[in-house]
Protein backbone atom coordinates (compact mmCIF):
# COMPACT_ATOMS: atom_id res chain seq x y z
CA MET A 1 0.00 0.00 0.00
CA TYR A 2 1.25 3.43 -0.94
CA SER A 3 -1.60 5.83 -0.08
CA LYS A 4 -4.90 6.03 1.79
CA PHE A 5 -7.89 8.28 1.22
CA LYS A 6 -11.37 8.68 2.68
CA ILE A 7 -14.58 9.94 1.14
CA SER A 8 -17.74 11.13 2.86
CA LYS A 9 -21.23 9.93 2.07
CA SER A 10 -22.25 13.32 0.68
CA VAL A 11 -19.28 13.60 -1.67
CA LEU A 12 -19.76 10.05 -2.84
CA GLN A 13 -23.41 10.70 -3.66
CA SER A 14 -22.56 13.88 -5.53
CA VAL A 15 -20.08 12.19 -7.87
CA CYS A 16 -21.64 8.79 -8.48
CA ALA A 17 -25.27 8.76 -7.35
CA ARG A 18 -26.39 7.96 -10.90
CA ILE A 19 -23.79 5.30 -11.54
CA PRO A 20 -25.64 2.03 -12.28
CA VAL A 21 -24.93 -0.90 -10.02
CA GLU A 22 -25.85 -4.56 -10.30
CA ILE A 23 -26.35 -6.31 -6.96
CA LYS A 24 -25.98 -10.08 -6.74
CA GLU A 25 -26.44 -11.53 -3.27
CA GLU A 26 -24.70 -14.88 -2.87
CA LYS A 27 -26.84 -17.70 -1.53
CA ILE A 28 -25.62 -20.78 0.31
CA GLY A 29 -25.16 -23.35 -2.44
CA VAL A 30 -23.87 -26.86 -2.76
CA GLU A 31 -20.35 -25.52 -3.37
CA TYR A 32 -20.05 -24.64 0.32
CA TYR A 33 -20.70 -28.24 1.31
CA ASP A 34 -18.40 -29.50 -1.43
CA ILE A 35 -15.47 -27.46 -0.15
CA LEU A 36 -15.98 -28.83 3.38
CA LYS A 37 -15.86 -32.37 2.01
CA LYS A 38 -12.70 -31.51 0.10
CA ALA A 39 -11.09 -29.88 3.17
CA LEU A 40 -11.99 -32.64 5.61
CA VAL A 41 -8.90 -34.59 6.68
CA PRO A 42 -9.99 -38.07 7.90
CA ASN A 43 -7.98 -38.66 11.03
CA LYS A 44 -9.09 -41.67 13.12
CA ASP A 45 -8.50 -39.95 16.44
CA ASN A 46 -9.30 -36.35 15.54
CA PRO A 47 -10.58 -35.50 12.03
CA TYR A 48 -10.09 -31.86 11.10
CA LEU A 49 -10.64 -29.33 8.33
CA ASP A 50 -7.75 -28.07 6.20
CA GLY A 51 -7.97 -24.31 6.69
CA ASP A 52 -5.68 -23.55 3.73
CA THR A 53 -8.04 -25.35 1.34
CA ILE A 54 -11.02 -23.41 2.69
CA LYS A 55 -9.22 -20.06 2.65
CA GLU A 56 -7.98 -20.46 -0.93
CA TRP A 57 -11.51 -21.22 -2.07
CA CYS A 58 -13.42 -18.64 -0.03
CA PHE A 59 -10.85 -15.81 -0.01
CA PRO A 60 -8.55 -16.64 -2.94
CA ARG A 61 -5.19 -14.95 -3.45
CA ASN A 62 -5.36 -14.68 -7.22
CA ASP A 63 -2.62 -13.30 -9.43
CA LYS A 64 -4.61 -10.16 -10.25
CA THR A 65 -3.24 -6.95 -8.75
CA TYR A 66 -5.76 -4.27 -7.84
CA ASP A 67 -5.10 -0.54 -7.89
CA VAL A 68 -7.70 0.48 -5.29
CA PHE A 69 -9.02 -1.29 -2.18
CA ILE A 70 -12.45 0.06 -1.20
CA SER A 71 -13.18 -0.27 2.53
CA HIS A 72 -16.86 -0.06 3.44
CA SER A 73 -19.49 -1.21 5.90
CA PHE A 74 -22.20 -3.64 4.82
CA ALA A 75 -24.75 -0.80 4.83
CA ASP A 76 -22.69 0.97 2.14
CA TYR A 77 -22.08 -1.93 -0.23
CA GLN A 78 -24.12 -0.32 -3.03
CA ASP A 79 -22.10 2.89 -2.71
CA ALA A 80 -18.92 0.81 -2.80
CA TYR A 81 -20.06 -0.81 -6.05
CA ARG A 82 -20.89 2.60 -7.54
CA LEU A 83 -17.50 4.03 -6.61
CA LYS A 84 -15.84 0.94 -8.09
CA ASN A 85 -17.79 1.32 -11.34
CA LEU A 86 -16.95 5.03 -11.53
CA ILE A 87 -13.20 4.58 -11.01
CA GLU A 88 -12.97 1.62 -13.37
CA SER A 89 -15.02 3.18 -16.18
CA ARG A 90 -13.63 6.72 -15.93
CA TYR A 91 -9.99 6.02 -15.08
CA GLY A 92 -9.41 2.44 -16.22
CA LEU A 93 -8.21 1.28 -12.81
CA SER A 94 -9.11 -1.97 -11.07
CA CYS A 95 -10.90 -1.82 -7.70
CA PHE A 96 -11.25 -4.52 -5.06
CA VAL A 97 -14.59 -4.85 -3.27
CA ASP A 98 -14.53 -8.04 -1.22
CA SER A 99 -18.11 -9.18 -1.81
CA GLN A 100 -17.61 -9.02 -5.59
CA VAL A 101 -14.51 -11.21 -5.53
CA TRP A 102 -14.76 -13.48 -2.49
CA HIS A 103 -17.39 -15.83 -1.13
CA ASN A 104 -19.44 -14.86 1.92
CA ALA A 105 -17.72 -15.55 5.26
CA TYR A 106 -21.05 -15.65 7.09
CA ASN A 107 -22.40 -18.28 4.68
CA LEU A 108 -19.24 -20.33 5.18
CA LEU A 109 -19.53 -20.05 8.95
CA GLY A 110 -23.19 -21.03 8.87
CA VAL A 111 -22.46 -24.19 6.89
CA ILE A 112 -19.57 -25.20 9.16
CA ASP A 113 -21.69 -24.63 12.26
CA ASP A 114 -24.60 -26.63 10.86
CA GLU A 115 -22.30 -29.52 10.02
CA PHE A 116 -20.08 -29.59 13.09
CA CYS A 117 -21.70 -27.62 15.94
CA TYR A 118 -25.41 -28.34 15.76
CA GLN A 119 -26.85 -30.65 18.44
CA LYS A 120 -29.89 -32.46 17.10
CA GLU A 121 -31.17 -33.59 20.48
CA SER A 122 -31.41 -30.10 21.99
CA LYS A 123 -31.73 -28.30 18.64
CA THR A 124 -29.04 -25.89 19.76
CA TYR A 125 -25.45 -25.13 18.81
CA GLN A 126 -22.54 -26.14 21.03
CA TYR A 127 -21.25 -22.87 22.49
CA LYS A 128 -17.53 -23.64 22.71
CA ALA A 129 -17.45 -25.26 19.28
CA ARG A 130 -19.20 -22.17 17.81
CA ASN A 131 -16.57 -19.92 19.34
CA GLN A 132 -13.84 -22.02 17.72
CA THR A 133 -15.40 -22.03 14.25
CA THR A 134 -16.01 -18.28 14.40
CA ALA A 135 -12.40 -17.65 15.45
CA HIS A 136 -11.04 -19.76 12.59
CA VAL A 137 -13.22 -18.24 9.85
CA TYR A 138 -12.68 -14.67 11.02
CA ALA A 139 -8.93 -15.26 11.30
CA MET A 140 -8.83 -16.50 7.69
CA LEU A 141 -10.83 -13.50 6.51
CA SER A 142 -8.65 -11.08 8.50
CA ILE A 143 -5.42 -12.47 7.03
CA ALA A 144 -6.90 -12.35 3.52
CA LEU A 145 -7.89 -8.69 4.03
CA LEU A 146 -4.44 -7.84 5.35
CA GLU A 147 -2.75 -9.47 2.35
CA MET A 148 -5.04 -7.67 -0.10
CA ILE A 149 -4.57 -4.25 1.52
CA ASP A 150 -0.81 -4.76 1.60
CA LYS A 151 -0.51 -5.47 -2.13
CA THR A 152 -2.99 -2.80 -3.28
CA GLU A 153 -1.53 0.59 -4.22
CA CYS A 154 -4.32 2.78 -2.81
CA CYS A 155 -7.05 2.35 -0.19
CA ILE A 156 -10.25 4.41 -0.01
CA LEU A 157 -12.40 4.38 3.12
CA LEU A 158 -16.12 5.05 2.65
CA GLU A 159 -17.27 7.04 5.64
CA ASN A 160 -20.84 6.66 6.80
CA SER A 161 -22.54 8.25 9.77
CA LYS A 162 -24.47 5.03 10.38
CA SER A 163 -21.25 3.07 10.94
CA LYS A 164 -19.29 5.88 12.63
CA ILE A 165 -20.16 7.65 15.87
CA ASP A 166 -18.51 10.31 17.98
CA PHE A 167 -17.97 9.95 21.71
CA ASN A 168 -16.64 13.29 22.91
CA GLU A 169 -15.97 11.94 26.39
CA LEU A 170 -13.65 9.26 25.03
CA LYS A 171 -10.03 9.68 24.00
CA SER A 172 -10.61 8.92 20.33
CA ASN A 173 -12.57 11.41 18.24
CA GLU A 174 -13.88 8.71 15.90
CA TYR A 175 -15.64 5.47 16.68
CA THR A 176 -17.05 2.92 14.28
CA LEU A 177 -19.80 0.39 14.89
CA SER A 178 -18.38 -1.90 12.20
CA PRO A 179 -15.78 -4.41 13.44
CA TRP A 180 -14.52 -4.81 9.86
CA ILE A 181 -14.00 -1.07 9.34
CA TYR A 182 -12.15 -1.06 12.67
CA GLU A 183 -9.91 -3.88 11.47
CA GLU A 184 -9.27 -2.55 7.97
CA VAL A 185 -8.45 0.98 9.15
CA SER A 186 -6.06 -0.51 11.73
CA PHE A 187 -4.34 -2.52 8.99
CA MET A 188 -4.01 0.60 6.82
CA ASN A 189 -2.48 2.55 9.69
CA HIS A 190 0.08 -0.12 10.57
CA ILE A 191 1.15 -1.51 7.19
CA ARG A 192 4.48 -0.04 6.14
CA LEU A 193 3.96 2.26 3.15
CA GLN A 194 5.63 1.16 -0.07
CA GLU A 195 7.25 3.18 -2.81
CA LYS A 196 4.94 4.59 -5.47
CA LEU A 197 4.87 2.59 -8.69
CA ASN A 198 6.92 3.83 -11.61
CA ARG A 199 4.50 3.77 -14.52
CA THR A 200 5.65 2.96 -18.02
CA THR A 201 2.16 3.47 -19.44
CA SER A 202 -0.40 6.15 -18.66
CA LEU A 203 -3.20 3.71 -17.74
CA LEU A 204 -3.49 0.10 -16.67
CA GLU A 205 -5.59 -2.24 -18.83
CA SER A 206 -8.69 -1.73 -18.52
CA GLN A 207 -21.07 -9.85 1.65
CA ARG A 208 -21.08 -9.01 4.40
CA LYS A 209 -24.35 -9.47 6.08
CA ALA A 210 -25.49 -6.96 8.72
CA PHE A 211 -24.16 -7.48 12.24
CA SER A 212 -27.46 -8.89 13.50
CA ALA A 213 -26.59 -9.77 17.09
CA SER A 214 -28.16 -7.68 19.82
CA LEU A 215 -24.76 -6.45 20.99
CA THR A 216 -23.48 -3.21 19.48
CA MET A 217 -19.84 -2.41 20.08
CA GLY A 218 -17.87 0.73 19.23
CA HIS A 219 -14.23 0.68 18.14
CA GLY A 220 -11.89 3.66 18.11
CA ILE A 221 -10.42 4.36 14.67
CA GLU A 222 -7.72 6.81 13.60
CA THR A 223 -8.24 8.43 10.18
CA LYS A 224 -6.51 11.81 10.60
CA ASP A 225 -3.77 10.66 8.20
CA PHE A 226 -6.30 9.69 5.53
CA ILE A 227 -6.51 12.32 2.79
CA GLU A 228 -10.15 13.35 2.38
CA LEU A 229 -11.44 13.34 -1.18
CA SER A 230 -13.81 15.94 -2.53
CA SER A 231 -16.10 15.96 -5.56
CA GLN A 232 -13.37 17.89 -7.43
CA ASP A 233 -11.07 14.87 -7.15
CA PHE A 234 -13.01 12.95 -9.80
CA PRO A 235 -12.38 15.00 -12.97
CA TYR A 236 -12.42 13.66 -16.49
CA LEU A 237 -8.76 13.15 -17.42
CA ASP A 238 -7.15 12.62 -20.80
CA GLN A 239 -5.54 9.25 -21.37
CA SER A 240 -2.05 10.54 -20.65
CA LYS A 241 -2.88 11.09 -16.99
CA HIS A 242 -3.26 8.38 -14.36
CA TRP A 243 -5.92 9.18 -11.75
CA LEU A 244 -3.83 8.06 -8.78
CA ASP A 245 -0.85 10.09 -10.01
CA TYR A 246 -3.21 13.05 -10.35
CA LEU A 247 -4.21 12.64 -6.69
CA TYR A 248 -0.61 12.16 -5.53
CA GLN A 249 0.46 15.33 -7.32
CA LYS A 250 -2.50 17.31 -5.98
CA TYR A 251 -1.84 16.19 -2.41
CA SER A 252 1.93 15.94 -2.73
CA LYS A 253 2.63 17.88 0.47
CA GLN A 254 0.41 15.63 2.57
CA GLU A 255 1.84 12.53 0.90
CA SER A 256 5.40 13.64 1.59
CA LEU A 257 4.53 14.14 5.22
CA LEU A 258 3.14 10.64 5.40
CA ARG A 259 6.23 9.15 3.79
CA ASP A 260 8.50 11.08 6.14
CA PHE A 261 6.48 9.79 9.10
CA TYR A 262 6.76 6.18 8.03
């Protein structure tokens, strides 16, 4: 990762409210059960699931390199798709939105729990086993997100008042209600920044479900080093200009400060 930006809900709506978006919600299909069968290691004493097999299927590390990682809450997934479509169609860059590339972690977890944690007699789930499956699936997703953020040149955080709250009495000025925003912003703040790419050509070739538990938890996030985008940052550019280079040049002073810091 070389740079990180953030964009408010109002700015996002002003620049891409009319951008068409096609929403495809993934359902739990037979492929989820097939991957569990493939990952099951038959050990006489203690059979187990091969986590690498599951991770490579659900959160694959493909050879494709993305220019922009779009960080968003589930409530903003349509806005994330619109921003992706805008950047890809107007600037010819590739954007990563997890739900358009990866399978659904919640679907995977549900299938694993039904197969390995459900108790038919009581019609309940075994509590300790559920904790273990959740820890494993979330750990795989977290590592996959970290790897993707690390190898992506630019990250853009979609800010949303529904997923971010302010607690003036607390030390941090910003709090998020999304555990995934909390995690992704933390990754962005701690990954060592890389050198900007030297471009030989002007342009590259061109689900989460809602957190439904009754518990709501706030997480402090630090975004003061994120450069805030405005509606003027999405101009029509001729083909000799790369959009990310345009942003780096426009915000060169802030970028130099970030590089000096890291």
